[in-house]
């Protein structure tokens, strides 16, 4: 849940009309990006119980970069 809230904040920062809907639509494309997936796995292996909510494990910049890359791919209505 913390990761999704961070993703929604990035979508809002990027001007998404509906950041919550964008966050829902982007959760899989963003969370499965290679760098984010690797950081998450590494944090879990190190015993971090909440890598998605930990800025030290997955930085806001990592999430923002992924949102910037994926947001234009969302269908518009």
N, C-alpha and C. Protein backbone atom coordinates (compact mmCIF):
# COMPACT_ATOMS: atom_id res chain seq x y z
N UNK A 1 0.82 -1.18 0.00
CA UNK A 1 0.00 0.00 0.00
C UNK A 1 0.88 1.26 0.00
N UNK A 2 1.96 1.25 0.72
CA UNK A 2 2.84 2.42 0.77
C UNK A 2 3.43 2.70 -0.61
N UNK A 3 3.81 1.65 -1.32
CA UNK A 3 4.37 1.83 -2.66
C UNK A 3 3.33 2.48 -3.57
N UNK A 4 2.10 2.02 -3.50
CA UNK A 4 1.06 2.58 -4.35
C UNK A 4 0.81 4.04 -4.01
N UNK A 5 0.85 4.40 -2.74
CA UNK A 5 0.67 5.80 -2.36
C UNK A 5 1.79 6.67 -2.92
N UNK A 6 2.99 6.15 -2.89
CA UNK A 6 4.14 6.87 -3.45
C UNK A 6 3.99 7.01 -4.97
N UNK A 7 3.50 5.97 -5.62
CA UNK A 7 3.27 6.00 -7.06
C UNK A 7 2.19 7.03 -7.40
N UNK A 8 1.11 7.08 -6.63
CA UNK A 8 0.05 8.06 -6.84
C UNK A 8 0.58 9.47 -6.69
N UNK A 9 1.43 9.69 -5.70
CA UNK A 9 2.03 11.01 -5.50
C UNK A 9 2.86 11.41 -6.72
N UNK A 10 3.57 10.48 -7.29
CA UNK A 10 4.36 10.77 -8.50
C UNK A 10 3.44 11.08 -9.68
N UNK A 11 2.34 10.35 -9.80
CA UNK A 11 1.39 10.61 -10.88
C UNK A 11 0.79 12.01 -10.72
N UNK A 12 0.49 12.39 -9.49
CA UNK A 12 -0.03 13.73 -9.24
C UNK A 12 1.02 14.78 -9.59
N UNK A 13 2.24 14.53 -9.21
CA UNK A 13 3.33 15.46 -9.52
C UNK A 13 3.47 15.66 -11.03
N UNK A 14 3.20 14.60 -11.78
CA UNK A 14 3.33 14.66 -13.23
C UNK A 14 2.06 15.18 -13.92
N UNK A 15 1.07 15.57 -13.12
CA UNK A 15 -0.12 16.20 -13.68
C UNK A 15 -1.21 15.27 -14.17
N UNK A 16 -1.23 14.04 -13.68
CA UNK A 16 -2.29 13.11 -14.07
C UNK A 16 -3.65 13.70 -13.67
N UNK A 17 -4.63 13.61 -14.56
CA UNK A 17 -5.96 14.14 -14.27
C UNK A 17 -6.57 13.46 -13.05
N UNK A 18 -6.37 12.18 -12.93
CA UNK A 18 -6.87 11.41 -11.79
C UNK A 18 -5.71 10.57 -11.27
N UNK A 19 -4.93 11.11 -10.35
CA UNK A 19 -3.74 10.39 -9.88
C UNK A 19 -4.03 9.01 -9.30
N UNK A 20 -5.16 8.86 -8.60
CA UNK A 20 -5.49 7.55 -8.02
C UNK A 20 -5.73 6.52 -9.12
N UNK A 21 -6.47 6.91 -10.15
CA UNK A 21 -6.72 5.99 -11.27
C UNK A 21 -5.42 5.69 -12.01
N UNK A 22 -4.60 6.71 -12.19
CA UNK A 22 -3.30 6.49 -12.85
C UNK A 22 -2.45 5.54 -12.02
N UNK A 23 -2.45 5.74 -10.70
CA UNK A 23 -1.68 4.87 -9.82
C UNK A 23 -2.14 3.42 -9.92
N UNK A 24 -3.45 3.23 -9.99
CA UNK A 24 -3.99 1.88 -10.14
C UNK A 24 -3.56 1.27 -11.47
N UNK A 25 -3.64 2.06 -12.53
CA UNK A 25 -3.28 1.56 -13.86
C UNK A 25 -1.79 1.30 -14.00
N UNK A 26 -0.99 2.05 -13.26
CA UNK A 26 0.47 1.96 -13.40
C UNK A 26 1.14 1.00 -12.43
N UNK A 27 0.41 0.48 -11.46
CA UNK A 27 1.06 -0.32 -10.42
C UNK A 27 1.89 -1.46 -10.99
N UNK A 28 1.37 -2.20 -11.96
CA UNK A 28 2.15 -3.32 -12.50
C UNK A 28 3.26 -2.87 -13.43
N UNK A 29 2.99 -1.97 -14.38
CA UNK A 29 4.10 -1.55 -15.24
C UNK A 29 5.26 -0.92 -14.47
N UNK A 30 4.94 -0.19 -13.41
CA UNK A 30 6.00 0.46 -12.64
C UNK A 30 6.70 -0.54 -11.72
N UNK A 31 5.91 -1.33 -11.00
CA UNK A 31 6.52 -2.24 -10.02
C UNK A 31 7.33 -3.36 -10.64
N UNK A 32 7.10 -3.66 -11.91
CA UNK A 32 7.85 -4.73 -12.56
C UNK A 32 9.03 -4.22 -13.39
N UNK A 33 9.30 -2.92 -13.33
CA UNK A 33 10.49 -2.42 -14.01
C UNK A 33 11.72 -3.04 -13.34
N UNK A 34 12.70 -3.32 -14.12
CA UNK A 34 13.87 -4.08 -13.67
C UNK A 34 14.53 -3.48 -12.43
N UNK A 35 14.75 -2.17 -12.42
CA UNK A 35 15.45 -1.56 -11.29
C UNK A 35 14.62 -1.60 -10.01
N UNK A 36 13.33 -1.38 -10.13
CA UNK A 36 12.46 -1.40 -8.96
C UNK A 36 12.30 -2.83 -8.43
N UNK A 37 12.12 -3.77 -9.33
CA UNK A 37 11.99 -5.17 -8.93
C UNK A 37 13.26 -5.65 -8.22
N UNK A 38 14.41 -5.29 -8.76
CA UNK A 38 15.69 -5.70 -8.15
C UNK A 38 15.89 -5.06 -6.78
N UNK A 39 15.54 -3.78 -6.66
CA UNK A 39 15.68 -3.09 -5.38
C UNK A 39 14.75 -3.71 -4.34
N UNK A 40 13.55 -4.04 -4.74
CA UNK A 40 12.58 -4.66 -3.85
C UNK A 40 13.09 -6.02 -3.36
N UNK A 41 13.55 -6.84 -4.29
CA UNK A 41 14.06 -8.17 -3.94
C UNK A 41 15.27 -8.08 -3.02
N UNK A 42 16.15 -7.14 -3.31
CA UNK A 42 17.34 -6.96 -2.48
C UNK A 42 16.96 -6.54 -1.06
N UNK A 43 16.00 -5.63 -0.95
CA UNK A 43 15.57 -5.18 0.37
C UNK A 43 14.90 -6.31 1.15
N UNK A 44 14.10 -7.11 0.48
CA UNK A 44 13.48 -8.26 1.15
C UNK A 44 14.54 -9.23 1.65
N UNK A 45 15.53 -9.49 0.80
CA UNK A 45 16.61 -10.41 1.18
C UNK A 45 17.40 -9.89 2.37
N UNK A 46 17.46 -8.57 2.51
CA UNK A 46 18.18 -7.96 3.63
C UNK A 46 17.32 -7.86 4.88
N UNK A 47 16.07 -8.33 4.80
CA UNK A 47 15.21 -8.35 5.97
C UNK A 47 14.31 -7.13 6.10
N UNK A 48 14.22 -6.31 5.08
CA UNK A 48 13.35 -5.14 5.12
C UNK A 48 11.90 -5.61 4.98
N UNK A 49 11.05 -5.35 5.98
CA UNK A 49 9.68 -5.83 5.91
C UNK A 49 8.76 -5.00 5.01
N UNK A 50 9.21 -3.82 4.59
CA UNK A 50 8.36 -2.94 3.78
C UNK A 50 9.17 -2.16 2.75
N UNK A 51 9.77 -2.84 1.79
CA UNK A 51 10.60 -2.14 0.81
C UNK A 51 9.84 -1.10 0.00
N UNK A 52 8.58 -1.33 -0.26
CA UNK A 52 7.79 -0.39 -1.05
C UNK A 52 7.56 0.94 -0.35
N UNK A 53 7.64 0.94 0.95
CA UNK A 53 7.46 2.16 1.71
C UNK A 53 8.75 2.79 2.17
N UNK A 54 9.86 2.18 1.83
CA UNK A 54 11.16 2.62 2.32
C UNK A 54 11.93 3.35 1.22
N UNK A 55 12.10 4.65 1.38
CA UNK A 55 12.82 5.47 0.41
C UNK A 55 14.26 4.99 0.22
N UNK A 56 14.84 4.39 1.24
CA UNK A 56 16.21 3.90 1.13
C UNK A 56 16.28 2.64 0.25
N UNK A 57 15.18 1.91 0.16
CA UNK A 57 15.15 0.70 -0.66
C UNK A 57 14.78 1.02 -2.11
N UNK A 58 13.70 1.75 -2.27
CA UNK A 58 13.23 2.18 -3.59
C UNK A 58 13.04 3.68 -3.50
N UNK A 59 13.87 4.41 -4.20
CA UNK A 59 13.83 5.87 -4.08
C UNK A 59 12.62 6.46 -4.80
N UNK A 60 12.24 7.64 -4.34
CA UNK A 60 11.17 8.36 -5.02
C UNK A 60 11.55 8.64 -6.47
N UNK A 61 12.82 8.89 -6.71
CA UNK A 61 13.27 9.16 -8.07
C UNK A 61 13.10 7.94 -8.96
N UNK A 62 13.32 6.75 -8.43
CA UNK A 62 13.10 5.54 -9.21
C UNK A 62 11.64 5.43 -9.62
N UNK A 63 10.75 5.68 -8.67
CA UNK A 63 9.32 5.60 -8.96
C UNK A 63 8.93 6.70 -9.94
N UNK A 64 9.40 7.91 -9.70
CA UNK A 64 9.07 9.03 -10.58
C UNK A 64 9.54 8.77 -12.01
N UNK A 65 10.74 8.27 -12.16
CA UNK A 65 11.25 7.97 -13.51
C UNK A 65 10.38 6.94 -14.21
N UNK A 66 9.94 5.94 -13.47
CA UNK A 66 9.08 4.90 -14.05
C UNK A 66 7.72 5.49 -14.42
N UNK A 67 7.17 6.33 -13.56
CA UNK A 67 5.89 6.97 -13.85
C UNK A 67 6.02 7.86 -15.08
N UNK A 68 7.09 8.61 -15.17
CA UNK A 68 7.30 9.48 -16.33
C UNK A 68 7.36 8.67 -17.62
N UNK A 69 7.95 7.50 -17.56
CA UNK A 69 8.07 6.65 -18.75
C UNK A 69 6.74 5.98 -19.10
N UNK A 70 5.94 5.64 -18.10
CA UNK A 70 4.74 4.85 -18.34
C UNK A 70 3.47 5.68 -18.47
N UNK A 71 3.41 6.84 -17.87
CA UNK A 71 2.18 7.65 -17.86
C UNK A 71 1.70 7.97 -19.28
N UNK A 72 2.58 8.31 -20.22
CA UNK A 72 2.09 8.59 -21.57
C UNK A 72 1.46 7.38 -22.26
N UNK A 73 1.72 6.17 -21.76
CA UNK A 73 1.16 4.95 -22.36
C UNK A 73 -0.25 4.64 -21.91
N UNK A 74 -0.76 5.38 -20.92
CA UNK A 74 -2.11 5.13 -20.44
C UNK A 74 -3.13 5.61 -21.47
N UNK A 75 -4.20 4.84 -21.64
CA UNK A 75 -5.23 5.31 -22.56
C UNK A 75 -5.92 6.55 -21.98
N UNK A 76 -6.33 7.43 -22.84
CA UNK A 76 -7.06 8.63 -22.42
C UNK A 76 -8.54 8.40 -22.69
N UNK A 77 -9.36 9.06 -21.90
CA UNK A 77 -10.80 8.90 -22.12
C UNK A 77 -11.45 10.22 -22.44
